[in-house]
Amino acid sequence: MSRPAVFLDRDGTINIDTGYIGDPEKVEIYPYVKEGIRKLKGTLGFTTIVISNQSGIARGFITEEQVISVNNKINLLLGFDAKIDAFYYCKHHPDFNSPEECRCRKPSPWLLLKSAEALDVDLKKSYMIGDKISDISAGKNAGVKTILLLNTITGSELEQMNRSNTKPDCIAENFEEAYNFILNDFEGE
């Protein structure tokens, strides 16, 4: 039976974005994230999937092994009851890779759709949480509800989003607000 999922961006959503993070010892989780993910998994039964652009690999700033180490550190910090079920990432960038290779890069929904198929996710009951326009676009393109966290987005990016058709279903100051939106929305169905 298909389950709902919360798709999460990684840097700037789960952990503080320090720019092409490759050192697991520098990973710092945002407030409310651990508790929110624990509640989403335990209370609502959501699968949790990270969907992340990691172009630092294509740019030569970090290695794929470093990305995996950071992902492992995130799960260690989140703990058993809040651990991420699956990490999917795009290691490509249009300046260094072909359009075909970049098909997994957000705002494309490709990784959301691929992970949903692999993990038997019901997209109609799922959500995407992120801190960038590309996260919201990817979620919209996959047919899930979207939540924009105001962790890193700039005023000009917000204005650009407001002028486009890429409006999130919710704008949240922090992960606690994002969780509460999902709780109220999901149980209201």
Protein backbone atom coordinates (compact mmCIF):
# COMPACT_ATOMS: atom_id res chain seq x y z
CA MET A 1 0.00 0.00 0.00
CA SER A 2 1.35 3.43 -0.97
CA ARG A 3 2.37 5.74 1.85
CA PRO A 4 2.62 9.51 2.02
CA ALA A 5 6.07 11.08 2.01
CA VAL A 6 7.70 14.30 2.97
CA PHE A 7 10.38 15.19 0.45
CA LEU A 8 13.00 17.45 2.00
CA ASP A 9 15.72 19.58 0.55
CA ARG A 10 18.92 19.09 2.56
CA ASP A 11 21.16 22.18 2.83
CA GLY A 12 19.20 25.17 4.10
CA THR A 13 16.24 23.01 5.11
CA ILE A 14 17.49 20.23 7.41
CA ASN A 15 20.97 21.57 8.10
CA ILE A 16 22.51 25.01 8.01
CA ASP A 17 23.85 25.68 4.50
CA THR A 18 27.52 26.57 4.77
CA GLY A 19 28.13 26.12 1.03
CA TYR A 20 29.21 22.82 -0.53
CA ILE A 21 29.46 21.11 2.83
CA GLY A 22 31.85 18.19 2.70
CA ASP A 23 32.97 17.86 6.31
CA PRO A 24 30.47 15.87 8.40
CA GLU A 25 31.79 17.51 11.56
CA LYS A 26 30.47 20.86 10.33
CA VAL A 27 26.87 19.64 10.00
CA GLU A 28 24.47 21.59 12.19
CA ILE A 29 20.76 20.72 12.20
CA TYR A 30 18.22 23.56 12.31
CA PRO A 31 15.98 23.88 15.39
CA TYR A 32 12.71 21.89 15.31
CA VAL A 33 13.89 19.62 12.47
CA LYS A 34 14.56 16.51 14.57
CA GLU A 35 11.29 16.83 16.47
CA GLY A 36 9.32 17.63 13.32
CA ILE A 37 10.66 14.68 11.35
CA ARG A 38 10.10 12.37 14.33
CA LYS A 39 6.45 13.48 14.49
CA LEU A 40 5.96 13.19 10.72
CA LYS A 41 7.27 9.63 10.78
CA GLY A 42 5.82 8.47 14.10
CA THR A 43 2.52 10.30 14.35
CA LEU A 44 1.56 10.48 10.68
CA GLY A 45 3.51 7.54 9.22
CA PHE A 46 5.31 9.55 6.54
CA THR A 47 8.29 8.26 4.61
CA THR A 48 11.07 10.88 4.62
CA ILE A 49 13.14 11.39 1.49
CA VAL A 50 15.85 13.97 0.89
CA ILE A 51 15.94 15.41 -2.64
CA SER A 52 19.06 17.52 -3.03
CA ASN A 53 21.08 19.27 -5.72
CA GLN A 54 24.75 18.60 -4.97
CA SER A 55 26.44 20.38 -7.88
CA GLY A 56 29.58 20.75 -5.78
CA ILE A 57 30.46 17.27 -7.04
CA ALA A 58 30.39 18.38 -10.70
CA ARG A 59 32.22 21.59 -9.79
CA GLY A 60 34.99 19.64 -8.03
CA PHE A 61 34.40 21.30 -4.64
CA ILE A 62 33.30 18.09 -2.88
CA THR A 63 33.32 14.38 -3.64
CA GLU A 64 30.39 12.01 -3.77
CA GLU A 65 31.90 10.22 -0.76
CA GLN A 66 31.76 13.50 1.19
CA VAL A 67 28.08 13.96 0.29
CA ILE A 68 27.38 10.44 1.55
CA SER A 69 29.36 11.15 4.75
CA VAL A 70 27.35 14.32 5.37
CA ASN A 71 24.10 12.41 4.75
CA ASN A 72 25.19 9.76 7.26
CA LYS A 73 26.07 12.46 9.81
CA ILE A 74 22.62 14.04 9.35
CA ASN A 75 20.98 10.70 10.13
CA LEU A 76 23.24 10.25 13.14
CA LEU A 77 22.26 13.68 14.48
CA LEU A 78 18.56 13.09 13.78
CA GLY A 79 18.61 9.79 15.65
CA PHE A 80 16.82 6.51 15.07
CA ASP A 81 13.23 7.76 15.27
CA ALA A 82 13.82 10.73 12.94
CA LYS A 83 16.30 9.28 10.47
CA ILE A 84 15.80 9.99 6.78
CA ASP A 85 14.54 6.92 4.92
CA ALA A 86 16.34 7.69 1.66
CA PHE A 87 18.71 10.29 0.21
CA TYR A 88 18.51 11.14 -3.50
CA TYR A 89 20.80 13.78 -4.97
CA CYS A 90 21.75 15.24 -8.32
CA LYS A 91 25.51 15.55 -8.67
CA HIS A 92 25.33 17.41 -11.97
CA HIS A 93 25.40 21.02 -13.13
CA PRO A 94 24.56 22.42 -16.60
CA ASP A 95 27.99 24.09 -16.86
CA PHE A 96 29.72 20.71 -16.51
CA ASN A 97 27.20 18.08 -17.62
CA SER A 98 24.85 17.30 -20.49
CA PRO A 99 21.11 18.13 -20.37
CA GLU A 100 20.42 14.39 -20.13
CA GLU A 101 22.68 14.07 -17.08
CA CYS A 102 21.05 17.16 -15.52
CA ARG A 103 17.50 15.76 -15.81
CA CYS A 104 17.68 14.94 -12.09
CA ARG A 105 18.46 18.53 -11.11
CA LYS A 106 15.72 20.47 -9.32
CA PRO A 107 13.43 22.13 -10.41
CA SER A 108 12.95 18.91 -12.38
CA PRO A 109 10.66 16.48 -10.52
CA TRP A 110 12.72 13.52 -11.76
CA LEU A 111 14.21 12.52 -8.38
CA LEU A 112 10.88 12.92 -6.60
CA LEU A 113 9.17 10.70 -9.17
CA LYS A 114 12.01 8.15 -9.18
CA SER A 115 12.07 7.89 -5.38
CA ALA A 116 8.26 7.77 -5.19
CA GLU A 117 8.23 4.80 -7.54
CA ALA A 118 11.06 3.02 -5.69
CA LEU A 119 9.53 3.57 -2.23
CA ASP A 120 5.83 3.18 -3.16
CA VAL A 121 4.90 6.78 -2.28
CA ASP A 122 1.44 8.24 -2.78
CA LEU A 123 2.29 11.62 -4.35
CA LYS A 124 -1.26 12.95 -3.88
CA LYS A 125 -0.78 12.77 -0.11
CA SER A 126 2.82 13.99 -0.07
CA TYR A 127 4.70 17.25 0.58
CA MET A 128 7.96 18.95 -0.40
CA ILE A 129 9.77 21.19 2.09
CA GLY A 130 12.58 23.41 0.84
CA ASP A 131 14.22 26.81 1.06
CA LYS A 132 14.57 27.65 -2.65
CA ILE A 133 12.34 28.33 -5.64
CA SER A 134 13.77 25.19 -7.28
CA ASP A 135 12.46 23.09 -4.37
CA ILE A 136 8.96 24.51 -4.71
CA SER A 137 9.03 24.08 -8.50
CA ALA A 138 10.19 20.46 -8.20
CA GLY A 139 7.39 19.72 -5.75
CA LYS A 140 4.77 21.42 -7.91
CA ASN A 141 6.08 19.59 -10.99
CA ALA A 142 5.71 16.26 -9.12
CA GLY A 143 2.18 17.07 -7.99
CA VAL A 144 2.85 17.36 -4.25
CA LYS A 145 1.98 20.18 -1.86
CA THR A 146 4.88 22.52 -1.15
CA ILE A 147 6.24 24.36 1.86
CA LEU A 148 8.83 27.12 1.59
CA LEU A 149 11.07 27.59 4.63
CA LEU A 150 12.35 31.13 5.03
CA ASN A 151 15.77 29.93 6.23
CA THR A 152 17.88 31.20 3.33
CA ILE A 153 15.66 32.72 0.64
CA THR A 154 16.31 36.36 -0.21
CA GLY A 155 13.76 39.12 -0.66
CA SER A 156 14.41 39.28 -4.41
CA GLU A 157 13.88 35.52 -4.72
CA LEU A 158 10.57 35.86 -2.86
CA GLU A 159 9.52 38.65 -5.22
CA GLN A 160 10.47 36.50 -8.22
CA MET A 161 8.41 33.63 -6.80
CA ASN A 162 5.42 35.90 -6.24
CA ARG A 163 5.59 37.06 -9.89
CA SER A 164 5.74 33.49 -11.14
CA ASN A 165 3.28 30.63 -10.95
CA THR A 166 5.50 28.92 -8.37
CA LYS A 167 3.68 29.87 -5.20
CA PRO A 168 4.10 27.41 -2.32
CA ASP A 169 1.08 26.02 -0.48
CA CYS A 170 2.64 27.30 2.75
CA ILE A 171 5.41 29.69 3.75
CA ALA A 172 6.93 28.74 7.11
CA GLU A 173 9.32 30.62 9.37
CA ASN A 174 10.77 27.34 10.67
CA PHE A 175 10.37 23.58 10.60
CA GLU A 176 7.85 23.62 13.45
CA GLU A 177 5.50 25.75 11.32
CA ALA A 178 6.07 23.42 8.37
CA TYR A 179 5.21 20.37 10.47
CA ASN A 180 2.07 22.06 11.85
CA PHE A 181 0.91 22.92 8.33
CA ILE A 182 1.32 19.29 7.25
CA LEU A 183 -0.42 18.00 10.38
CA ASN A 184 -3.42 20.28 9.90
CA ASP A 185 -3.58 19.79 6.15
CA PHE A 186 -3.09 16.02 6.19
CA GLU A 187 -5.58 15.34 8.97
CA GLY A 188 -8.05 17.73 7.33
CA GLU A 189 -8.31 15.50 4.27
